[in-house]
């Protein structure tokens, strides 16, 4: 059986950092208020003229270098983003052009904060089907450009960044002992469309719009969705929560992640958190966290990782990977 194995990771964060104290200078908030509710202490913000595709390319180059492969061997590029450079073409097309990956198929996936897991699942299916051999999957966001900086319930939560992985097709036995992506699970429920959305778009207002959120509703559904998706990928493989070495979650809110860890009976040390210094970077948060932990040497060969996410729509998903 063909498996999609992660052979390289990369990340990029914009140079500009905004601390909670910086925010408090122009928003009715404080470092204590933000930390207590979210666990966030700072976020990165893209510079003027720095596009989502620029962040994506920087993360992709690092992932390619880490994998020690040439860009010409990539035959699939998927960018998960809610903040493309333009309404069209796809951000992935800009990334393809800037990388010089002329022979790759390139397109975007839009599932907001769940975008990277969705993109990973799509790339995995391409590889299993034999339609791609080597894929570049990127989560990249300039989410700061969707924020209403007068709305403290949302503007304190988000940041900009990009993360990338290189997937390579390898032969496996079709058992949970294989390396690579072992299982994915995706879900959505459009009945909660208005709980987390942007109040603009080409078809509705002709404007970009700003993020609007019912925080209480999102929190309530996030814990259930993250736990449920994780349990589903374990069920598909016959594995148990105690078999998981690391959880690499979407970095939305420290309180959400703590609640998920408790429900899954996962030790805090195995729940990777970067939300304190990245904030919520939407589709970029999982690959950013993955790349940071990988660079620190935390992952060992054959360890099991669960990546899980929940975002607007509502959308959610999980992927079970053997390193």
Protein backbone atom coordinates (compact mmCIF):
# COMPACT_ATOMS: atom_id res chain seq x y z
CA UNK A 1 0.00 0.00 0.00
CA UNK A 2 1.23 3.49 -0.85
CA UNK A 3 1.72 5.77 2.13
CA UNK A 4 2.31 9.53 2.20
CA UNK A 5 5.31 10.11 4.48
CA UNK A 6 6.42 13.47 5.85
CA UNK A 7 10.05 13.90 4.82
CA UNK A 8 10.51 17.62 5.44
CA UNK A 9 9.03 20.47 7.48
CA UNK A 10 9.44 24.23 7.28
CA UNK A 11 8.09 27.40 8.86
CA UNK A 12 8.12 31.15 8.48
CA UNK A 13 7.00 33.92 10.83
CA UNK A 14 7.01 37.62 9.86
CA UNK A 15 9.58 39.80 11.55
CA UNK A 16 7.12 42.18 13.20
CA UNK A 17 5.92 41.06 16.64
CA UNK A 18 3.00 42.62 18.53
CA UNK A 19 2.91 41.84 22.23
CA UNK A 20 -0.16 42.02 24.43
CA UNK A 21 1.21 45.21 25.94
CA UNK A 22 1.53 46.68 22.45
CA UNK A 23 -2.12 45.85 21.79
CA UNK A 24 -3.18 47.44 25.05
CA UNK A 25 -1.92 50.80 23.74
CA UNK A 26 -4.75 51.01 21.19
CA UNK A 27 -7.29 48.34 22.24
CA UNK A 28 -9.28 48.19 25.48
CA UNK A 29 -7.45 45.15 26.82
CA UNK A 30 -4.45 44.08 28.91
CA UNK A 31 -1.77 41.43 28.96
CA UNK A 32 -3.46 39.79 31.96
CA UNK A 33 -6.89 39.75 30.27
CA UNK A 34 -5.53 38.11 27.10
CA UNK A 35 -3.29 35.56 28.81
CA UNK A 36 -5.99 34.46 31.24
CA UNK A 37 -8.53 33.79 28.48
CA UNK A 38 -6.32 32.55 25.65
CA UNK A 39 -2.75 31.82 26.77
CA UNK A 40 -1.47 34.21 24.08
CA UNK A 41 1.34 36.68 24.84
CA UNK A 42 2.34 37.80 21.33
CA UNK A 43 1.64 37.40 17.62
CA UNK A 44 3.54 38.03 14.36
CA UNK A 45 2.15 40.39 11.72
CA UNK A 46 3.13 40.51 8.06
CA UNK A 47 4.82 43.66 6.79
CA UNK A 48 3.23 45.96 4.26
CA UNK A 49 3.72 44.38 0.85
CA UNK A 50 4.38 40.94 2.36
CA UNK A 51 1.79 38.57 0.89
CA UNK A 52 0.43 35.20 1.96
CA UNK A 53 2.30 33.61 -0.96
CA UNK A 54 5.57 35.15 0.27
CA UNK A 55 5.13 33.54 3.68
CA UNK A 56 4.20 30.25 2.01
CA UNK A 57 7.27 30.29 -0.25
CA UNK A 58 9.62 30.94 2.68
CA UNK A 59 8.15 27.98 4.63
CA UNK A 60 8.19 25.78 1.50
CA UNK A 61 11.85 26.51 0.76
CA UNK A 62 12.79 25.50 4.30
CA UNK A 63 10.76 22.27 4.01
CA UNK A 64 12.38 21.42 0.67
CA UNK A 65 15.84 22.07 2.10
CA UNK A 66 15.03 19.92 5.12
CA UNK A 67 13.84 17.11 2.85
CA UNK A 68 16.99 17.52 0.71
CA UNK A 69 15.02 17.44 -2.54
CA UNK A 70 14.81 19.67 -5.60
CA UNK A 71 11.68 21.70 -6.25
CA UNK A 72 11.40 20.12 -9.70
CA UNK A 73 10.47 16.78 -8.11
CA UNK A 74 7.28 18.24 -6.60
CA UNK A 75 4.21 17.27 -8.63
CA UNK A 76 1.48 18.63 -6.32
CA UNK A 77 1.21 21.90 -4.37
CA UNK A 78 -1.75 22.51 -2.07
CA UNK A 79 -2.00 25.73 -0.09
CA UNK A 80 -4.47 25.91 2.78
CA UNK A 81 -5.42 29.55 3.30
CA UNK A 82 -8.30 31.89 4.04
CA UNK A 83 -6.27 34.94 3.03
CA UNK A 84 -5.03 34.47 -0.55
CA UNK A 85 -3.10 37.25 -2.29
CA UNK A 86 -6.02 37.77 -4.68
CA UNK A 87 -9.54 36.40 -5.05
CA UNK A 88 -8.03 34.45 -7.94
CA UNK A 89 -5.79 32.88 -9.15
CA UNK A 90 -5.14 30.48 -6.30
CA UNK A 91 -2.41 31.36 -3.83
CA UNK A 92 -0.86 28.01 -4.77
CA UNK A 93 -0.38 29.30 -8.33
CA UNK A 94 1.64 32.24 -6.98
CA UNK A 95 3.67 29.84 -4.84
CA UNK A 96 4.29 27.58 -7.83
CA UNK A 97 5.49 30.53 -9.92
CA UNK A 98 7.78 31.88 -7.20
CA UNK A 99 9.28 28.45 -6.49
CA UNK A 100 9.65 27.53 -10.14
CA UNK A 101 7.76 24.28 -9.64
CA UNK A 102 6.58 24.28 -13.23
CA UNK A 103 5.48 20.65 -13.43
CA UNK A 104 3.30 20.66 -10.30
CA UNK A 105 -0.48 20.79 -10.07
CA UNK A 106 -1.32 23.72 -7.79
CA UNK A 107 -4.54 24.70 -6.03
CA UNK A 108 -5.89 26.05 -2.73
CA UNK A 109 -8.03 24.48 -0.01
CA UNK A 110 -10.26 26.74 2.08
CA UNK A 111 -11.46 25.30 5.38
CA UNK A 112 -10.25 28.16 7.60
CA UNK A 113 -8.46 26.84 10.71
CA UNK A 114 -9.04 23.24 9.60
CA UNK A 115 -7.45 23.98 6.24
CA UNK A 116 -4.13 22.25 6.77
CA UNK A 117 -5.73 18.97 7.88
CA UNK A 118 -8.08 19.15 4.89
CA UNK A 119 -5.15 19.83 2.54
CA UNK A 120 -3.16 16.99 4.09
CA UNK A 121 -6.08 14.60 3.56
CA UNK A 122 -6.44 15.68 -0.09
CA UNK A 123 -2.71 15.26 -0.77
CA UNK A 124 -2.75 11.88 0.96
CA UNK A 125 -5.55 10.70 -1.29
CA UNK A 126 -3.70 11.91 -4.40
CA UNK A 127 -0.65 9.91 -3.34
CA UNK A 128 -2.60 6.77 -2.40
CA UNK A 129 -4.36 6.91 -5.79
CA UNK A 130 -1.04 7.18 -7.59
CA UNK A 131 -1.88 10.62 -9.03
CA UNK A 132 1.03 12.27 -7.20
CA UNK A 133 4.34 11.03 -5.89
CA UNK A 134 5.68 14.03 -4.01
CA UNK A 135 3.55 16.84 -2.60
CA UNK A 136 4.12 20.19 -0.94
CA UNK A 137 1.35 20.98 1.56
CA UNK A 138 1.38 24.49 3.00
CA UNK A 139 -0.72 26.40 5.52
CA UNK A 140 -0.20 30.15 5.11
CA UNK A 141 -2.14 33.12 6.46
CA UNK A 142 -2.03 36.90 6.73
CA UNK A 143 -5.02 36.80 9.04
CA UNK A 144 -4.21 40.20 10.52
CA UNK A 145 -5.71 41.72 7.36
CA UNK A 146 -9.14 40.37 8.26
CA UNK A 147 -9.17 41.83 11.76
CA UNK A 148 -11.19 44.68 13.17
CA UNK A 149 -8.59 46.21 15.47
CA UNK A 150 -11.35 47.82 17.54
CA UNK A 151 -12.91 44.45 18.39
CA UNK A 152 -10.95 43.05 21.33
CA UNK A 153 -12.86 39.77 21.24
CA UNK A 154 -11.15 38.86 17.94
CA UNK A 155 -8.13 41.07 17.24
CA UNK A 156 -6.16 39.72 20.21
CA UNK A 157 -6.49 36.12 19.00
CA UNK A 158 -4.87 35.97 15.59
CA UNK A 159 -1.48 36.25 13.94
CA UNK A 160 0.28 35.66 10.63
CA UNK A 161 2.64 32.87 9.57
CA UNK A 162 3.20 29.84 7.37
CA UNK A 163 4.20 26.21 7.76
CA UNK A 164 4.88 23.51 5.18
CA UNK A 165 5.50 19.80 4.83
CA UNK A 166 6.86 17.68 2.00
CA UNK A 167 5.04 14.38 1.48
CA UNK A 168 6.71 11.50 -0.31
CA UNK A 169 5.08 8.30 -1.59
CA UNK A 170 6.55 5.20 0.05
CA UNK A 171 5.53 1.55 0.12
CA UNK A 172 3.90 0.19 3.25
CA UNK A 173 2.25 -3.02 4.39
CA UNK A 174 -1.16 -1.45 4.95
CA UNK A 175 -0.93 -1.86 8.74
CA UNK A 176 -0.77 0.68 11.59
CA UNK A 177 2.96 -0.09 11.83
CA UNK A 178 3.58 1.69 8.52
CA UNK A 179 5.25 5.08 8.48
CA UNK A 180 3.30 8.00 7.04
CA UNK A 181 -0.32 9.09 7.14
CA UNK A 182 -2.32 6.20 8.60
CA UNK A 183 -5.79 7.76 8.72
CA UNK A 184 -7.66 11.02 8.23
CA UNK A 185 -11.13 12.15 9.22
CA UNK A 186 -12.93 15.32 8.10
CA UNK A 187 -16.22 16.84 9.14
CA UNK A 188 -18.32 19.98 8.82
CA UNK A 189 -21.62 21.44 9.98
CA UNK A 190 -22.82 24.50 8.07
CA UNK A 191 -25.61 25.13 10.57
CA UNK A 192 -22.99 27.03 12.60
CA UNK A 193 -21.94 29.20 9.64
CA UNK A 194 -22.63 32.43 11.55
CA UNK A 195 -20.71 31.50 14.71
CA UNK A 196 -17.33 32.23 13.11
CA UNK A 197 -17.25 34.09 9.81
CA UNK A 198 -16.02 37.15 7.91
CA UNK A 199 -18.69 39.77 7.18
CA UNK A 200 -17.63 40.36 3.59
CA UNK A 201 -16.79 38.70 0.31
CA UNK A 202 -16.85 39.12 -3.49
CA UNK A 203 -20.40 37.78 -3.85
CA UNK A 204 -21.96 39.46 -0.81
CA UNK A 205 -20.44 42.87 -0.11
CA UNK A 206 -17.63 43.22 -2.63
CA UNK A 207 -15.28 43.85 0.31
CA UNK A 208 -12.83 41.76 2.30
CA UNK A 209 -14.73 42.15 5.57
CA UNK A 210 -13.69 41.44 9.16
CA UNK A 211 -13.70 38.39 11.42
CA UNK A 212 -16.79 38.01 13.62
CA UNK A 213 -17.10 35.30 16.25
CA UNK A 214 -19.39 33.91 18.91
CA UNK A 215 -16.58 32.83 21.23
CA UNK A 216 -18.72 30.81 23.63
CA UNK A 217 -20.30 28.81 20.81
CA UNK A 218 -16.94 28.15 19.16
CA UNK A 219 -15.36 26.97 22.42
CA UNK A 220 -18.23 24.58 23.13
CA UNK A 221 -18.07 22.91 19.73
CA UNK A 222 -14.28 23.01 19.38
CA UNK A 223 -13.56 20.66 22.27
CA UNK A 224 -16.15 18.13 21.11
CA UNK A 225 -15.00 18.26 17.47
CA UNK A 226 -11.28 18.00 18.24
CA UNK A 227 -11.77 15.05 20.56
CA UNK A 228 -14.22 13.30 18.25
CA UNK A 229 -12.00 13.62 15.16
CA UNK A 230 -9.00 12.30 17.09
CA UNK A 231 -10.98 9.32 18.37
CA UNK A 232 -12.19 8.57 14.84
CA UNK A 233 -8.69 8.28 13.31
CA UNK A 234 -7.65 6.04 16.19
CA UNK A 235 -10.74 3.90 15.63
CA UNK A 236 -9.88 3.51 11.94
CA UNK A 237 -6.50 2.00 12.84
CA UNK A 238 -7.42 0.07 15.99
CA UNK A 239 -5.07 2.20 18.07
CA UNK A 240 -5.76 3.80 21.45
CA UNK A 241 -5.19 7.25 22.90
CA UNK A 242 -2.38 5.85 25.07
CA UNK A 243 -0.54 4.91 21.85
CA UNK A 244 -0.26 8.58 20.85
CA UNK A 245 3.18 10.11 21.42
CA UNK A 246 2.28 13.66 20.41
CA UNK A 247 -0.83 15.72 19.72
CA UNK A 248 -0.15 18.58 17.28
CA UNK A 249 -3.36 20.62 17.49
CA UNK A 250 -4.62 23.76 15.85
CA UNK A 251 -3.45 26.55 18.13
CA UNK A 252 -6.69 28.39 18.84
CA UNK A 253 -6.77 28.85 22.58
CA UNK A 254 -4.82 27.28 25.45
CA UNK A 255 -8.01 26.59 27.39
CA UNK A 256 -9.45 24.61 24.47
CA UNK A 257 -6.26 22.57 24.15
CA UNK A 258 -6.16 21.82 27.87
CA UNK A 259 -9.76 20.62 27.74
CA UNK A 260 -9.00 18.37 24.74
CA UNK A 261 -5.98 16.87 26.52
CA UNK A 262 -8.13 16.04 29.54
CA UNK A 263 -10.85 14.43 27.43
CA UNK A 264 -8.31 12.32 25.53
CA UNK A 265 -6.40 11.50 28.74
CA UNK A 266 -3.23 12.93 27.18
CA UNK A 267 -0.46 14.24 29.42
CA UNK A 268 0.18 17.97 29.08
CA UNK A 269 3.75 17.25 27.93
CA UNK A 270 2.42 15.39 24.89
CA UNK A 271 0.08 18.23 23.84
CA UNK A 272 2.25 20.62 21.81
CA UNK A 273 1.43 24.30 22.33
CA UNK A 274 2.79 27.31 20.48
CA UNK A 275 -0.26 29.54 20.87
CA UNK A 276 1.57 31.68 23.43
CA UNK A 277 4.07 33.01 20.88
CA UNK A 278 2.25 32.43 17.56
CA UNK A 279 -1.38 33.16 18.56
CA UNK A 280 -3.98 31.64 16.22
CA UNK A 281 -2.51 31.52 12.71
CA UNK A 282 -5.49 29.63 11.29
CA UNK A 283 -4.41 27.09 8.62
CA UNK A 284 -0.74 27.78 9.40
CA UNK A 285 -0.86 26.82 13.06
CA UNK A 286 -0.47 23.03 12.79
CA UNK A 287 2.44 23.05 10.31
CA UNK A 288 4.12 25.87 12.26
CA UNK A 289 3.89 23.83 15.45
CA UNK A 290 4.99 20.69 13.61
CA UNK A 291 8.07 22.41 12.16
CA UNK A 292 9.05 23.98 15.49
CA UNK A 293 8.90 20.64 17.32
CA UNK A 294 10.67 18.84 14.47
CA UNK A 295 13.49 21.40 14.46
CA UNK A 296 13.87 20.90 18.22
CA UNK A 297 14.29 17.14 17.69
CA UNK A 298 11.19 16.21 19.66
CA UNK A 299 9.88 13.66 17.16
CA UNK A 300 11.51 10.24 16.94
CA UNK A 301 11.14 7.74 14.14
CA UNK A 302 7.99 5.57 14.40
CA UNK A 303 6.31 7.82 16.96
CA UNK A 304 2.58 8.45 16.51
CA UNK A 305 1.25 11.98 15.99
CA UNK A 306 -2.33 13.19 15.92
CA UNK A 307 -3.00 16.51 14.21
CA UNK A 308 -6.45 17.92 14.87
CA UNK A 309 -8.22 21.16 14.03
CA UNK A 310 -11.57 22.93 14.12
CA UNK A 311 -12.52 26.13 12.32
CA UNK A 312 -15.22 28.28 10.78
CA UNK A 313 -17.99 26.61 8.92
CA UNK A 314 -17.89 24.71 11.28
CA UNK A 315 -15.19 22.47 9.82
CA UNK A 316 -13.01 19.99 11.67
CA UNK A 317 -10.65 17.12 11.09
CA UNK A 318 -7.74 14.99 12.26
CA UNK A 319 -4.84 13.07 10.78
CA UNK A 320 -2.95 10.20 12.38
CA UNK A 321 0.69 10.01 11.27
CA UNK A 322 3.58 7.69 12.09
CA UNK A 323 6.80 9.68 11.96
